[in-house]
């Protein structure tokens, strides 16, 4: 499944206004995977979104994107990368934990269906 261009443009416009930066993996102009991060002197380096085309999951694109994100944080001199994930997103939780992210907080009942969210952090060697 390819993400519709108008959806991507709407999301990116809204996020860029709030200081988000984007990374993407493309093939012939089609977005295969996309991530966005925020770098802030107050809150640090945060991974906000990491998505991979559902037809391409399990092929290492998420891993490649996460490695690029961590490299950006290291290059920027940040001490850690922070993110949060709903607990039913098992693939993302597995990817993060396999890459040395540790759970730092659990918030229950944040989504309308009562699903909990976990915050994770990866310490970086700078």
PDB file of N, CA and C in Angstrom:
ATOM      1  N   UNK A   1       0.845  -1.182   0.000  1.00  0.00           N
ATOM      2  CA  UNK A   1       0.000   0.000   0.000  1.00  0.00           C
ATOM      3  C   UNK A   1       0.889   1.244   0.000  1.00  0.00           C
ATOM      4  N   UNK A   2       0.659   2.125  -0.891  1.00  0.00           N
ATOM      5  CA  UNK A   2       1.366   3.400  -0.942  1.00  0.00           C
ATOM      6  C   UNK A   2       0.502   4.442  -0.243  1.00  0.00           C
ATOM      7  N   UNK A   3       1.150   5.348   0.455  1.00  0.00           N
ATOM      8  CA  UNK A   3       0.416   6.400   1.136  1.00  0.00           C
ATOM      9  C   UNK A   3       0.031   7.483   0.134  1.00  0.00           C
ATOM     10  N   UNK A   4      -1.233   7.923   0.130  1.00  0.00           N
ATOM     11  CA  UNK A   4      -1.658   8.947  -0.822  1.00  0.00           C
ATOM     12  C   UNK A   4      -0.889  10.258  -0.628  1.00  0.00           C
ATOM     13  N   UNK A   5      -0.513  10.871  -1.729  1.00  0.00           N
ATOM     14  CA  UNK A   5       0.275  12.102  -1.712  1.00  0.00           C
ATOM     15  C   UNK A   5      -0.413  13.206  -0.902  1.00  0.00           C
ATOM     16  N   UNK A   6      -1.739  13.372  -1.035  1.00  0.00           N
ATOM     17  CA  UNK A   6      -2.427  14.440  -0.315  1.00  0.00           C
ATOM     18  C   UNK A   6      -2.397  14.209   1.197  1.00  0.00           C
ATOM     19  N   UNK A   7      -2.460  12.950   1.618  1.00  0.00           N
ATOM     20  CA  UNK A   7      -2.354  12.649   3.043  1.00  0.00           C
ATOM     21  C   UNK A   7      -0.974  13.018   3.565  1.00  0.00           C
ATOM     22  N   UNK A   8       0.056  12.620   2.840  1.00  0.00           N
ATOM     23  CA  UNK A   8       1.428  12.929   3.243  1.00  0.00           C
ATOM     24  C   UNK A   8       1.647  14.438   3.285  1.00  0.00           C
ATOM     25  N   UNK A   9       1.171  15.143   2.269  1.00  0.00           N
ATOM     26  CA  UNK A   9       1.350  16.599   2.230  1.00  0.00           C
ATOM     27  C   UNK A   9       0.645  17.280   3.397  1.00  0.00           C
ATOM     28  N   UNK A  10      -0.532  16.807   3.749  1.00  0.00           N
ATOM     29  CA  UNK A  10      -1.273  17.380   4.877  1.00  0.00           C
ATOM     30  C   UNK A  10      -0.525  17.164   6.194  1.00  0.00           C
ATOM     31  N   UNK A  11      -0.064  15.951   6.393  1.00  0.00           N
ATOM     32  CA  UNK A  11       0.665  15.628   7.627  1.00  0.00           C
ATOM     33  C   UNK A  11       1.964  16.434   7.699  1.00  0.00           C
ATOM     34  N   UNK A  12       2.724  16.442   6.612  1.00  0.00           N
ATOM     35  CA  UNK A  12       4.019  17.123   6.652  1.00  0.00           C
ATOM     36  C   UNK A  12       3.875  18.631   6.825  1.00  0.00           C
ATOM     37  N   UNK A  13       2.887  19.227   6.197  1.00  0.00           N
ATOM     38  CA  UNK A  13       2.671  20.670   6.351  1.00  0.00           C
ATOM     39  C   UNK A  13       2.390  21.013   7.820  1.00  0.00           C
ATOM     40  N   UNK A  14       1.505  20.276   8.429  1.00  0.00           N
ATOM     41  CA  UNK A  14       1.161  20.496   9.833  1.00  0.00           C
ATOM     42  C   UNK A  14       2.378  20.314  10.735  1.00  0.00           C
ATOM     43  N   UNK A  15       3.137  19.277  10.491  1.00  0.00           N
ATOM     44  CA  UNK A  15       4.293  18.982  11.332  1.00  0.00           C
ATOM     45  C   UNK A  15       5.437  19.963  11.134  1.00  0.00           C
ATOM     46  N   UNK A  16       5.706  20.350   9.897  1.00  0.00           N
ATOM     47  CA  UNK A  16       6.792  21.298   9.643  1.00  0.00           C
ATOM     48  C   UNK A  16       6.543  22.613  10.368  1.00  0.00           C
ATOM     49  N   UNK A  17       5.282  23.006  10.459  1.00  0.00           N
ATOM     50  CA  UNK A  17       4.937  24.226  11.184  1.00  0.00           C
ATOM     51  C   UNK A  17       5.303  24.115  12.660  1.00  0.00           C
ATOM     52  N   UNK A  18       5.381  22.910  13.162  1.00  0.00           N
ATOM     53  CA  UNK A  18       5.738  22.691  14.573  1.00  0.00           C
ATOM     54  C   UNK A  18       7.191  22.271  14.766  1.00  0.00           C
ATOM     55  N   UNK A  19       8.008  22.343  13.705  1.00  0.00           N
ATOM     56  CA  UNK A  19       9.435  22.080  13.844  1.00  0.00           C
ATOM     57  C   UNK A  19       9.869  20.645  13.619  1.00  0.00           C
ATOM     58  N   UNK A  20       9.009  19.820  13.087  1.00  0.00           N
ATOM     59  CA  UNK A  20       9.377  18.435  12.813  1.00  0.00           C
ATOM     60  C   UNK A  20      10.328  18.373  11.618  1.00  0.00           C
ATOM     61  N   UNK A  21      11.225  17.398  11.634  1.00  0.00           N
ATOM     62  CA  UNK A  21      12.099  17.112  10.503  1.00  0.00           C
ATOM     63  C   UNK A  21      11.733  15.723   9.987  1.00  0.00           C
ATOM     64  N   UNK A  22      11.860  15.549   8.676  1.00  0.00           N
ATOM     65  CA  UNK A  22      11.467  14.285   8.056  1.00  0.00           C
ATOM     66  C   UNK A  22      12.636  13.528   7.460  1.00  0.00           C
ATOM     67  N   UNK A  23      12.515  12.198   7.532  1.00  0.00           N
ATOM     68  CA  UNK A  23      13.412  11.291   6.836  1.00  0.00           C
ATOM     69  C   UNK A  23      12.502  10.350   6.060  1.00  0.00           C
ATOM     70  N   UNK A  24      12.934   9.928   4.893  1.00  0.00           N
ATOM     71  CA  UNK A  24      12.100   9.014   4.110  1.00  0.00           C
ATOM     72  C   UNK A  24      12.966   8.077   3.279  1.00  0.00           C
ATOM     73  N   UNK A  25      12.420   6.917   2.997  1.00  0.00           N
ATOM     74  CA  UNK A  25      12.998   5.969   2.049  1.00  0.00           C
ATOM     75  C   UNK A  25      12.065   5.981   0.848  1.00  0.00           C
ATOM     76  N   UNK A  26      12.624   6.258  -0.313  1.00  0.00           N
ATOM     77  CA  UNK A  26      11.824   6.395  -1.525  1.00  0.00           C
ATOM     78  C   UNK A  26      12.215   5.351  -2.556  1.00  0.00           C
ATOM     79  N   UNK A  27      11.263   5.025  -3.423  1.00  0.00           N
ATOM     80  CA  UNK A  27      11.524   4.187  -4.582  1.00  0.00           C
ATOM     81  C   UNK A  27      10.725   4.766  -5.737  1.00  0.00           C
ATOM     82  N   UNK A  28      11.416   5.339  -6.697  1.00  0.00           N
ATOM     83  CA  UNK A  28      10.764   5.953  -7.850  1.00  0.00           C
ATOM     84  C   UNK A  28       9.743   7.007  -7.418  1.00  0.00           C
ATOM     85  N   UNK A  29      10.084   7.757  -6.384  1.00  0.00           N
ATOM     86  CA  UNK A  29       9.212   8.821  -5.897  1.00  0.00           C
ATOM     87  C   UNK A  29       8.161   8.362  -4.909  1.00  0.00           C
ATOM     88  N   UNK A  30       7.960   7.065  -4.764  1.00  0.00           N
ATOM     89  CA  UNK A  30       6.982   6.545  -3.805  1.00  0.00           C
ATOM     90  C   UNK A  30       7.631   6.444  -2.425  1.00  0.00           C
ATOM     91  N   UNK A  31       6.897   6.831  -1.402  1.00  0.00           N
ATOM     92  CA  UNK A  31       7.401   6.754  -0.028  1.00  0.00           C
ATOM     93  C   UNK A  31       7.209   5.331   0.478  1.00  0.00           C
ATOM     94  N   UNK A  32       8.324   4.687   0.823  1.00  0.00           N
ATOM     95  CA  UNK A  32       8.290   3.326   1.358  1.00  0.00           C
ATOM     96  C   UNK A  32       8.253   3.335   2.877  1.00  0.00           C
ATOM     97  N   UNK A  33       8.954   4.300   3.456  1.00  0.00           N
ATOM     98  CA  UNK A  33       9.012   4.441   4.908  1.00  0.00           C
ATOM     99  C   UNK A  33       9.276   5.908   5.211  1.00  0.00           C
ATOM    100  N   UNK A  34       8.759   6.361   6.351  1.00  0.00           N
ATOM    101  CA  UNK A  34       8.920   7.758   6.715  1.00  0.00           C
ATOM    102  C   UNK A  34       9.003   7.872   8.233  1.00  0.00           C
ATOM    103  N   UNK A  35       9.795   8.841   8.663  1.00  0.00           N
ATOM    104  CA  UNK A  35       9.903   9.120  10.095  1.00  0.00           C
ATOM    105  C   UNK A  35       9.970  10.623  10.274  1.00  0.00           C
ATOM    106  N   UNK A  36       9.568  11.069  11.456  1.00  0.00           N
ATOM    107  CA  UNK A  36       9.834  12.464  11.774  1.00  0.00           C
ATOM    108  C   UNK A  36      10.317  12.576  13.198  1.00  0.00           C
ATOM    109  N   UNK A  37      11.157  13.584  13.388  1.00  0.00           N
ATOM    110  CA  UNK A  37      11.792  13.821  14.683  1.00  0.00           C
ATOM    111  C   UNK A  37      11.700  15.302  15.021  1.00  0.00           C
ATOM    112  N   UNK A  38      11.864  15.579  16.282  1.00  0.00           N
ATOM    113  CA  UNK A  38      11.988  16.962  16.747  1.00  0.00           C
ATOM    114  C   UNK A  38      13.273  17.053  17.551  1.00  0.00           C
ATOM    115  N   UNK A  39      14.060  18.084  17.247  1.00  0.00           N
ATOM    116  CA  UNK A  39      15.264  18.382  18.025  1.00  0.00           C
ATOM    117  C   UNK A  39      14.960  19.653  18.810  1.00  0.00           C
ATOM    118  N   UNK A  40      15.121  19.576  20.118  1.00  0.00           N
ATOM    119  CA  UNK A  40      14.800  20.730  20.952  1.00  0.00           C
ATOM    120  C   UNK A  40      15.828  20.883  22.054  1.00  0.00           C
ATOM    121  N   UNK A  41      16.269  22.128  22.308  1.00  0.00           N
ATOM    122  CA  UNK A  41      17.182  22.333  23.428  1.00  0.00           C
ATOM    123  C   UNK A  41      16.497  22.085  24.775  1.00  0.00           C
ATOM    124  N   UNK A  42      15.165  22.121  24.787  1.00  0.00           N
ATOM    125  CA  UNK A  42      14.434  21.900  26.045  1.00  0.00           C
ATOM    126  C   UNK A  42      14.076  20.440  26.277  1.00  0.00           C
ATOM    127  N   UNK A  43      13.569  19.776  25.235  1.00  0.00           N
ATOM    128  CA  UNK A  43      13.088  18.403  25.416  1.00  0.00           C
ATOM    129  C   UNK A  43      14.025  17.348  24.845  1.00  0.00           C
ATOM    130  N   UNK A  44      15.041  17.760  24.105  1.00  0.00           N
ATOM    131  CA  UNK A  44      15.992  16.808  23.546  1.00  0.00           C
ATOM    132  C   UNK A  44      15.573  16.314  22.179  1.00  0.00           C
ATOM    133  N   UNK A  45      15.985  15.120  21.842  1.00  0.00           N
ATOM    134  CA  UNK A  45      15.750  14.517  20.528  1.00  0.00           C
ATOM    135  C   UNK A  45      14.617  13.510  20.662  1.00  0.00           C
ATOM    136  N   UNK A  46      13.544  13.726  19.919  1.00  0.00           N
ATOM    137  CA  UNK A  46      12.368  12.854  20.022  1.00  0.00           C
ATOM    138  C   UNK A  46      11.976  12.281  18.674  1.00  0.00           C
ATOM    139  N   UNK A  47      11.791  10.984  18.640  1.00  0.00           N
ATOM    140  CA  UNK A  47      11.223  10.305  17.485  1.00  0.00           C
ATOM    141  C   UNK A  47       9.710  10.374  17.645  1.00  0.00           C
ATOM    142  N   UNK A  48       9.048  11.035  16.694  1.00  0.00           N
ATOM    143  CA  UNK A  48       7.609  11.229  16.799  1.00  0.00           C
ATOM    144  C   UNK A  48       6.827  10.171  16.025  1.00  0.00           C
ATOM    145  N   UNK A  49       7.283   9.857  14.830  1.00  0.00           N
ATOM    146  CA  UNK A  49       6.573   8.893  13.980  1.00  0.00           C
ATOM    147  C   UNK A  49       7.599   8.093  13.185  1.00  0.00           C
ATOM    148  N   UNK A  50       7.339   6.801  13.067  1.00  0.00           N
ATOM    149  CA  UNK A  50       8.104   5.941  12.165  1.00  0.00           C
ATOM    150  C   UNK A  50       7.096   4.986  11.535  1.00  0.00           C
ATOM    151  N   UNK A  51       6.900   5.114  10.230  1.00  0.00           N
ATOM    152  CA  UNK A  51       5.947   4.246   9.539  1.00  0.00           C
ATOM    153  C   UNK A  51       6.622   3.595   8.347  1.00  0.00           C
ATOM    154  N   UNK A  52       6.209   2.370   8.074  1.00  0.00           N
ATOM    155  CA  UNK A  52       6.702   1.619   6.925  1.00  0.00           C
ATOM    156  C   UNK A  52       5.473   1.115   6.173  1.00  0.00           C
ATOM    157  N   UNK A  53       5.510   1.214   4.858  1.00  0.00           N
ATOM    158  CA  UNK A  53       4.438   0.698   4.017  1.00  0.00           C
ATOM    159  C   UNK A  53       4.108  -0.720   4.485  1.00  0.00           C
ATOM    160  N   UNK A  54       2.822  -0.982   4.715  1.00  0.00           N
ATOM    161  CA  UNK A  54       2.449  -2.280   5.292  1.00  0.00           C
ATOM    162  C   UNK A  54       2.840  -3.470   4.419  1.00  0.00           C
ATOM    163  N   UNK A  55       2.932  -3.262   3.113  1.00  0.00           N
ATOM    164  CA  UNK A  55       3.334  -4.353   2.225  1.00  0.00           C
ATOM    165  C   UNK A  55       4.831  -4.634   2.285  1.00  0.00           C
ATOM    166  N   UNK A  56       5.595  -3.749   2.916  1.00  0.00           N
ATOM    167  CA  UNK A  56       7.056  -3.893   2.965  1.00  0.00           C
ATOM    168  C   UNK A  56       7.582  -4.157   4.371  1.00  0.00           C
ATOM    169  N   UNK A  57       6.706  -4.307   5.320  1.00  0.00           N
ATOM    170  CA  UNK A  57       7.147  -4.537   6.703  1.00  0.00           C
ATOM    171  C   UNK A  57       7.847  -5.877   6.826  1.00  0.00           C
ATOM    172  N   UNK A  58       8.794  -5.937   7.771  1.00  0.00           N
ATOM    173  CA  UNK A  58       9.535  -7.168   7.988  1.00  0.00           C
ATOM    174  C   UNK A  58      10.736  -7.337   7.076  1.00  0.00           C
ATOM    175  N   UNK A  59      11.078  -6.293   6.319  1.00  0.00           N
ATOM    176  CA  UNK A  59      12.200  -6.370   5.382  1.00  0.00           C
ATOM    177  C   UNK A  59      13.376  -5.493   5.800  1.00  0.00           C
ATOM    178  N   UNK A  60      13.313  -4.923   6.993  1.00  0.00           N
ATOM    179  CA  UNK A  60      14.447  -4.157   7.493  1.00  0.00           C
ATOM    180  C   UNK A  60      14.385  -2.657   7.266  1.00  0.00           C
ATOM    181  N   UNK A  61      13.315  -2.159   6.644  1.00  0.00           N
ATOM    182  CA  UNK A  61      13.221  -0.713   6.413  1.00  0.00           C
ATOM    183  C   UNK A  61      13.112   0.059   7.726  1.00  0.00           C
ATOM    184  N   UNK A  62      12.340  -0.458   8.660  1.00  0.00           N
ATOM    185  CA  UNK A  62      12.213   0.198   9.965  1.00  0.00           C
ATOM    186  C   UNK A  62      13.550   0.247  10.683  1.00  0.00           C
ATOM    187  N   UNK A  63      14.299  -0.832  10.591  1.00  0.00           N
ATOM    188  CA  UNK A  63      15.634  -0.892  11.202  1.00  0.00           C
ATOM    189  C   UNK A  63      16.553   0.156  10.586  1.00  0.00           C
ATOM    190  N   UNK A  64      16.554   0.252   9.258  1.00  0.00           N
ATOM    191  CA  UNK A  64      17.390   1.253   8.580  1.00  0.00           C
ATOM    192  C   UNK A  64      17.012   2.671   8.998  1.00  0.00           C
ATOM    193  N   UNK A  65      15.717   2.930   9.051  1.00  0.00           N
ATOM    194  CA  UNK A  65      15.256   4.261   9.441  1.00  0.00           C
ATOM    195  C   UNK A  65      15.674   4.569  10.877  1.00  0.00           C
ATOM    196  N   UNK A  66      15.515   3.603  11.767  1.00  0.00           N
ATOM    197  CA  UNK A  66      15.874   3.819  13.168  1.00  0.00           C
ATOM    198  C   UNK A  66      17.378   4.070  13.309  1.00  0.00           C
ATOM    199  N   UNK A  67      18.185   3.351  12.565  1.00  0.00           N
ATOM    200  CA  UNK A  67      19.635   3.577  12.594  1.00  0.00           C
ATOM    201  C   UNK A  67      19.977   4.991  12.133  1.00  0.00           C
ATOM    202  N   UNK A  68      19.304   5.476  11.096  1.00  0.00           N
ATOM    203  CA  UNK A  68      19.535   6.846  10.623  1.00  0.00           C
ATOM    204  C   UNK A  68      19.117   7.871  11.671  1.00  0.00           C
ATOM    205  N   UNK A  69      18.026   7.618  12.342  1.00  0.00           N
ATOM    206  CA  UNK A  69      17.530   8.521  13.377  1.00  0.00           C
ATOM    207  C   UNK A  69      18.516   8.600  14.535  1.00  0.00           C
ATOM    208  N   UNK A  70      18.988   7.446  14.979  1.00  0.00           N
ATOM    209  CA  UNK A  70      19.964   7.421  16.074  1.00  0.00           C
ATOM    210  C   UNK A  70      21.247   8.130  15.652  1.00  0.00           C
ATOM    211  N   UNK A  71      21.687   7.921  14.414  1.00  0.00           N
ATOM    212  CA  UNK A  71      22.898   8.597  13.918  1.00  0.00           C
ATOM    213  C   UNK A  71      22.717  10.120  13.927  1.00  0.00           C
ATOM    214  N   UNK A  72      21.546  10.600  13.544  1.00  0.00           N
ATOM    215  CA  UNK A  72      21.275  12.046  13.593  1.00  0.00           C
ATOM    216  C   UNK A  72      21.391  12.584  15.015  1.00  0.00           C
ATOM    217  N   UNK A  73      20.853  11.842  15.956  1.00  0.00           N
ATOM    218  CA  UNK A  73      20.919  12.271  17.355  1.00  0.00           C
ATOM    219  C   UNK A  73      22.356  12.294  17.858  1.00  0.00           C
ATOM    220  N   UNK A  74      23.132  11.282  17.503  1.00  0.00           N
ATOM    221  CA  UNK A  74      24.542  11.232  17.906  1.00  0.00           C
ATOM    222  C   UNK A  74      25.297  12.408  17.286  1.00  0.00           C
ATOM    223  N   UNK A  75      25.106  12.626  15.985  1.00  0.00           N
ATOM    224  CA  UNK A  75      25.770  13.740  15.290  1.00  0.00           C
ATOM    225  C   UNK A  75      25.391  15.084  15.915  1.00  0.00           C
ATOM    226  N   UNK A  76      24.179  15.188  16.409  1.00  0.00           N
ATOM    227  CA  UNK A  76      23.716  16.431  17.019  1.00  0.00           C
ATOM    228  C   UNK A  76      24.163  16.607  18.462  1.00  0.00           C
ATOM    229  N   UNK A  77      24.858  15.604  18.991  1.00  0.00           N
ATOM    230  CA  UNK A  77      25.356  15.696  20.356  1.00  0.00           C
ATOM    231  C   UNK A  77      24.312  15.441  21.441  1.00  0.00           C
ATOM    232  N   UNK A  78      23.214  14.808  21.078  1.00  0.00           N
ATOM    233  CA  UNK A  78      22.178  14.502  22.070  1.00  0.00           C
ATOM    234  C   UNK A  78      22.592  13.300  22.914  1.00  0.00           C
ATOM    235  N   UNK A  79      22.130  13.274  24.146  1.00  0.00           N
ATOM    236  CA  UNK A  79      22.472  12.183  25.066  1.00  0.00           C
ATOM    237  C   UNK A  79      21.558  10.981  24.927  1.00  0.00           C
ATOM    238  N   UNK A  80      20.354  11.203  24.358  1.00  0.00           N
ATOM    239  CA  UNK A  80      19.413  10.100  24.206  1.00  0.00           C
ATOM    240  C   UNK A  80      18.399  10.411  23.121  1.00  0.00           C
ATOM    241  N   UNK A  81      17.654   9.377  22.749  1.00  0.00           N
ATOM    242  CA  UNK A  81      16.524   9.495  21.834  1.00  0.00           C
ATOM    243  C   UNK A  81      15.306   9.028  22.611  1.00  0.00           C
ATOM    244  N   UNK A  82      14.259   9.844  22.592  1.00  0.00           N
ATOM    245  CA  UNK A  82      13.014   9.503  23.294  1.00  0.00           C
ATOM    246  C   UNK A  82      11.910   9.239  22.285  1.00  0.00           C
ATOM    247  N   UNK A  83      10.978   8.374  22.646  1.00  0.00           N
ATOM    248  CA  UNK A  83       9.801   8.113  21.825  1.00  0.00           C
ATOM    249  C   UNK A  83       8.714   7.522  22.702  1.00  0.00           C
ATOM    250  N   UNK A  84       7.522   7.413  22.160  1.00  0.00           N
ATOM    251  CA  UNK A  84       6.457   6.696  22.863  1.00  0.00           C
ATOM    252  C   UNK A  84       5.651   5.890  21.856  1.00  0.00           C
ATOM    253  N   UNK A  85       5.046   4.803  22.343  1.00  0.00           N
ATOM    254  CA  UNK A  85       4.344   3.847  21.495  1.00  0.00           C
ATOM    255  C   UNK A  85       3.177   3.282  22.282  1.00  0.00           C
ATOM    256  N   UNK A  86       2.054   3.073  21.606  1.00  0.00           N
ATOM    257  CA  UNK A  86       0.954   2.351  22.260  1.00  0.00           C
ATOM    258  C   UNK A  86       1.335   0.879  22.348  1.00  0.00           C
ATOM    259  N   UNK A  87       0.928   0.237  23.432  1.00  0.00           N
ATOM    260  CA  UNK A  87       1.399  -1.125  23.694  1.00  0.00           C
ATOM    261  C   UNK A  87       0.901  -2.162  22.703  1.00  0.00           C
ATOM    262  N   UNK A  88      -0.142  -1.851  21.946  1.00  0.00           N
ATOM    263  CA  UNK A  88      -0.595  -2.818  20.952  1.00  0.00           C
ATOM    264  C   UNK A  88       0.212  -2.754  19.657  1.00  0.00           C
ATOM    265  N   UNK A  89       1.156  -1.827  19.563  1.00  0.00           N
ATOM    266  CA  UNK A  89       2.043  -1.734  18.400  1.00  0.00           C
ATOM    267  C   UNK A  89       3.271  -2.606  18.675  1.00  0.00           C
ATOM    268  N   UNK A  90       3.046  -3.902  18.645  1.00  0.00           N
ATOM    269  CA  UNK A  90       4.078  -4.863  19.047  1.00  0.00           C
ATOM    270  C   UNK A  90       5.309  -4.825  18.151  1.00  0.00           C
ATOM    271  N   UNK A  91       5.113  -4.624  16.856  1.00  0.00           N
ATOM    272  CA  UNK A  91       6.267  -4.596  15.940  1.00  0.00           C
ATOM    273  C   UNK A  91       7.194  -3.433  16.284  1.00  0.00           C
ATOM    274  N   UNK A  92       6.619  -2.271  16.556  1.00  0.00           N
ATOM    275  CA  UNK A  92       7.445  -1.103  16.889  1.00  0.00           C
ATOM    276  C   UNK A  92       8.112  -1.293  18.247  1.00  0.00           C
ATOM    277  N   UNK A  93       7.382  -1.809  19.215  1.00  0.00           N
ATOM    278  CA  UNK A  93       7.989  -2.076  20.525  1.00  0.00           C
ATOM    279  C   UNK A  93       9.160  -3.047  20.394  1.00  0.00           C
ATOM    280  N   UNK A  94       8.965  -4.093  19.612  1.00  0.00           N
ATOM    281  CA  UNK A  94      10.035  -5.091  19.408  1.00  0.00           C
ATOM    282  C   UNK A  94      11.254  -4.430  18.755  1.00  0.00           C
ATOM    283  N   UNK A  95      11.015  -3.602  17.718  1.00  0.00           N
ATOM    284  CA  UNK A  95      12.118  -2.916  17.037  1.00  0.00           C
ATOM    285  C   UNK A  95      12.883  -2.026  18.012  1.00  0.00           C
ATOM    286  N   UNK A  96      12.166  -1.257  18.797  1.00  0.00           N
ATOM    287  CA  UNK A  96      12.829  -0.347  19.730  1.00  0.00           C
ATOM    288  C   UNK A  96      13.618  -1.107  20.801  1.00  0.00           C
ATOM    289  N   UNK A  97      13.013  -2.112  21.381  1.00  0.00           N
ATOM    290  CA  UNK A  97      13.686  -2.868  22.446  1.00  0.00           C
ATOM    291  C   UNK A  97      14.907  -3.608  21.896  1.00  0.00           C
ATOM    292  N   UNK A  98      14.813  -4.144  20.673  1.00  0.00           N
ATOM    293  CA  UNK A  98      15.963  -4.809  20.049  1.00  0.00           C
ATOM    294  C   UNK A  98      17.098  -3.829  19.766  1.00  0.00           C
ATOM    295  N   UNK A  99      16.787  -2.541  19.759  1.00  0.00           N
ATOM    296  CA  UNK A  99      17.793  -1.506  19.505  1.00  0.00           C
ATOM    297  C   UNK A  99      18.130  -0.731  20.775  1.00  0.00           C
ATOM    298  N   UNK A 100      18.006  -1.386  21.907  1.00  0.00           N
ATOM    299  CA  UNK A 100      18.444  -0.878  23.209  1.00  0.00           C
ATOM    300  C   UNK A 100      17.645   0.297  23.754  1.00  0.00           C
ATOM    301  N   UNK A 101      16.411   0.476  23.300  1.00  0.00           N
ATOM    302  CA  UNK A 101      15.528   1.430  23.950  1.00  0.00           C
ATOM    303  C   UNK A 101      14.975   0.745  25.196  1.00  0.00           C
ATOM    304  N   UNK A 102      14.844   1.492  26.268  1.00  0.00           N
ATOM    305  CA  UNK A 102      14.288   0.941  27.503  1.00  0.00           C
ATOM    306  C   UNK A 102      13.029   1.716  27.877  1.00  0.00           C
ATOM    307  N   UNK A 103      12.089   1.002  28.460  1.00  0.00           N
ATOM    308  CA  UNK A 103      10.835   1.622  28.889  1.00  0.00           C
ATOM    309  C   UNK A 103      11.107   2.484  30.107  1.00  0.00           C
ATOM    310  N   UNK A 104      10.658   3.728  30.045  1.00  0.00           N
ATOM    311  CA  UNK A 104      10.864   4.659  31.151  1.00  0.00           C
ATOM    312  C   UNK A 104       9.565   5.047  31.841  1.00  0.00           C
ATOM    313  N   UNK A 105       8.425   4.791  31.173  1.00  0.00           N
ATOM    314  CA  UNK A 105       7.146   5.195  31.757  1.00  0.00           C
ATOM    315  C   UNK A 105       6.015   4.443  31.066  1.00  0.00           C
ATOM    316  N   UNK A 106       4.973   4.133  31.828  1.00  0.00           N
ATOM    317  CA  UNK A 106       3.765   3.511  31.293  1.00  0.00           C
ATOM    318  C   UNK A 106       2.581   4.369  31.693  1.00  0.00           C
ATOM    319  N   UNK A 107       1.821   4.824  30.710  1.00  0.00           N
ATOM    320  CA  UNK A 107       0.611   5.608  30.956  1.00  0.00           C
ATOM    321  C   UNK A 107      -0.578   4.772  30.515  1.00  0.00           C
ATOM    322  N   UNK A 108      -1.505   4.531  31.427  1.00  0.00           N
ATOM    323  CA  UNK A 108      -2.681   3.722  31.111  1.00  0.00           C
ATOM    324  C   UNK A 108      -3.824   4.587  30.605  1.00  0.00           C
ATOM    325  N   UNK A 109      -4.658   3.979  29.806  1.00  0.00           N
ATOM    326  CA  UNK A 109      -5.926   4.574  29.364  1.00  0.00           C
ATOM    327  C   UNK A 109      -5.777   5.894  28.627  1.00  0.00           C
ATOM    328  N   UNK A 110      -4.781   6.017  27.779  1.00  0.00           N
ATOM    329  CA  UNK A 110      -4.601   7.264  27.037  1.00  0.00           C
ATOM    330  C   UNK A 110      -5.415   7.303  25.752  1.00  0.00           C
ATOM    331  N   UNK A 111      -5.743   6.175  25.211  1.00  0.00           N
ATOM    332  CA  UNK A 111      -6.516   6.131  23.982  1.00  0.00           C
ATOM    333  C   UNK A 111      -7.969   5.833  24.332  1.00  0.00           C
ATOM    334  N   UNK A 112      -8.870   6.172  23.453  1.00  0.00           N
ATOM    335  CA  UNK A 112     -10.301   5.995  23.726  1.00  0.00           C
ATOM    336  C   UNK A 112     -10.656   4.555  24.097  1.00  0.00           C
ATOM    337  N   UNK A 113      -9.925   3.580  23.543  1.00  0.00           N
ATOM    338  CA  UNK A 113     -10.215   2.179  23.852  1.00  0.00           C
ATOM    339  C   UNK A 113      -9.509   1.698  25.116  1.00  0.00           C
ATOM    340  N   UNK A 114      -8.837   2.622  25.811  1.00  0.00           N
ATOM    341  CA  UNK A 114      -8.179   2.273  27.067  1.00  0.00           C
ATOM    342  C   UNK A 114      -6.767   1.748  26.915  1.00  0.00           C
ATOM    343  N   UNK A 115      -6.239   1.741  25.695  1.00  0.00           N
ATOM    344  CA  UNK A 115      -4.904   1.209  25.452  1.00  0.00           C
ATOM    345  C   UNK A 115      -3.842   2.058  26.145  1.00  0.00           C
ATOM    346  N   UNK A 116      -2.878   1.401  26.712  1.00  0.00           N
ATOM    347  CA  UNK A 116      -1.785   2.078  27.410  1.00  0.00           C
ATOM    348  C   UNK A 116      -0.702   2.493  26.427  1.00  0.00           C
ATOM    349  N   UNK A 117       0.077   3.487  26.834  1.00  0.00           N
ATOM    350  CA  UNK A 117       1.207   3.977  26.040  1.00  0.00           C
ATOM    351  C   UNK A 117       2.466   3.852  26.885  1.00  0.00           C
ATOM    352  N   UNK A 118       3.561   3.475  26.234  1.00  0.00           N
ATOM    353  CA  UNK A 118       4.841   3.420  26.940  1.00  0.00           C
ATOM    354  C   UNK A 118       5.781   4.453  26.355  1.00  0.00           C
ATOM    355  N   UNK A 119       6.555   5.052  27.222  1.00  0.00           N
ATOM    356  CA  UNK A 119       7.634   5.940  26.784  1.00  0.00           C
ATOM    357  C   UNK A 119       8.922   5.150  26.870  1.00  0.00           C
ATOM    358  N   UNK A 120       9.772   5.339  25.863  1.00  0.00           N
ATOM    359  CA  UNK A 120      11.047   4.630  25.813  1.00  0.00           C
ATOM    360  C   UNK A 120      12.161   5.614  25.548  1.00  0.00           C
ATOM    361  N   UNK A 121      13.361   5.204  25.940  1.00  0.00           N
ATOM    362  CA  UNK A 121      14.527   6.067  25.747  1.00  0.00           C
ATOM    363  C   UNK A 121      15.736   5.194  25.433  1.00  0.00           C
ATOM    364  N   UNK A 122      16.548   5.680  24.509  1.00  0.00           N
ATOM    365  CA  UNK A 122      17.824   5.023  24.203  1.00  0.00           C
ATOM    366  C   UNK A 122      18.929   5.985  24.581  1.00  0.00           C
ATOM    367  N   UNK A 123      19.800   5.577  25.466  1.00  0.00           N
ATOM    368  CA  UNK A 123      20.966   6.377  25.833  1.00  0.00           C
ATOM    369  C   UNK A 123      22.002   6.264  24.722  1.00  0.00           C
ATOM    370  N   UNK A 124      22.652   7.379  24.439  1.00  0.00           N
ATOM    371  CA  UNK A 124      23.640   7.403  23.371  1.00  0.00           C
ATOM    372  C   UNK A 124      25.019   7.677  23.947  1.00  0.00           C
ATOM    373  N   UNK A 125      26.007   7.114  23.310  1.00  0.00           N
ATOM    374  CA  UNK A 125      27.382   7.457  23.697  1.00  0.00           C
ATOM    375  C   UNK A 125      27.821   8.586  22.778  1.00  0.00           C
ATOM    376  N   UNK A 126      28.121   9.736  23.360  1.00  0.00           N
ATOM    377  CA  UNK A 126      28.485  10.907  22.560  1.00  0.00           C
ATOM    378  C   UNK A 126      29.973  11.152  22.597  1.00  0.00           C
TER     379      UNK A 126
END
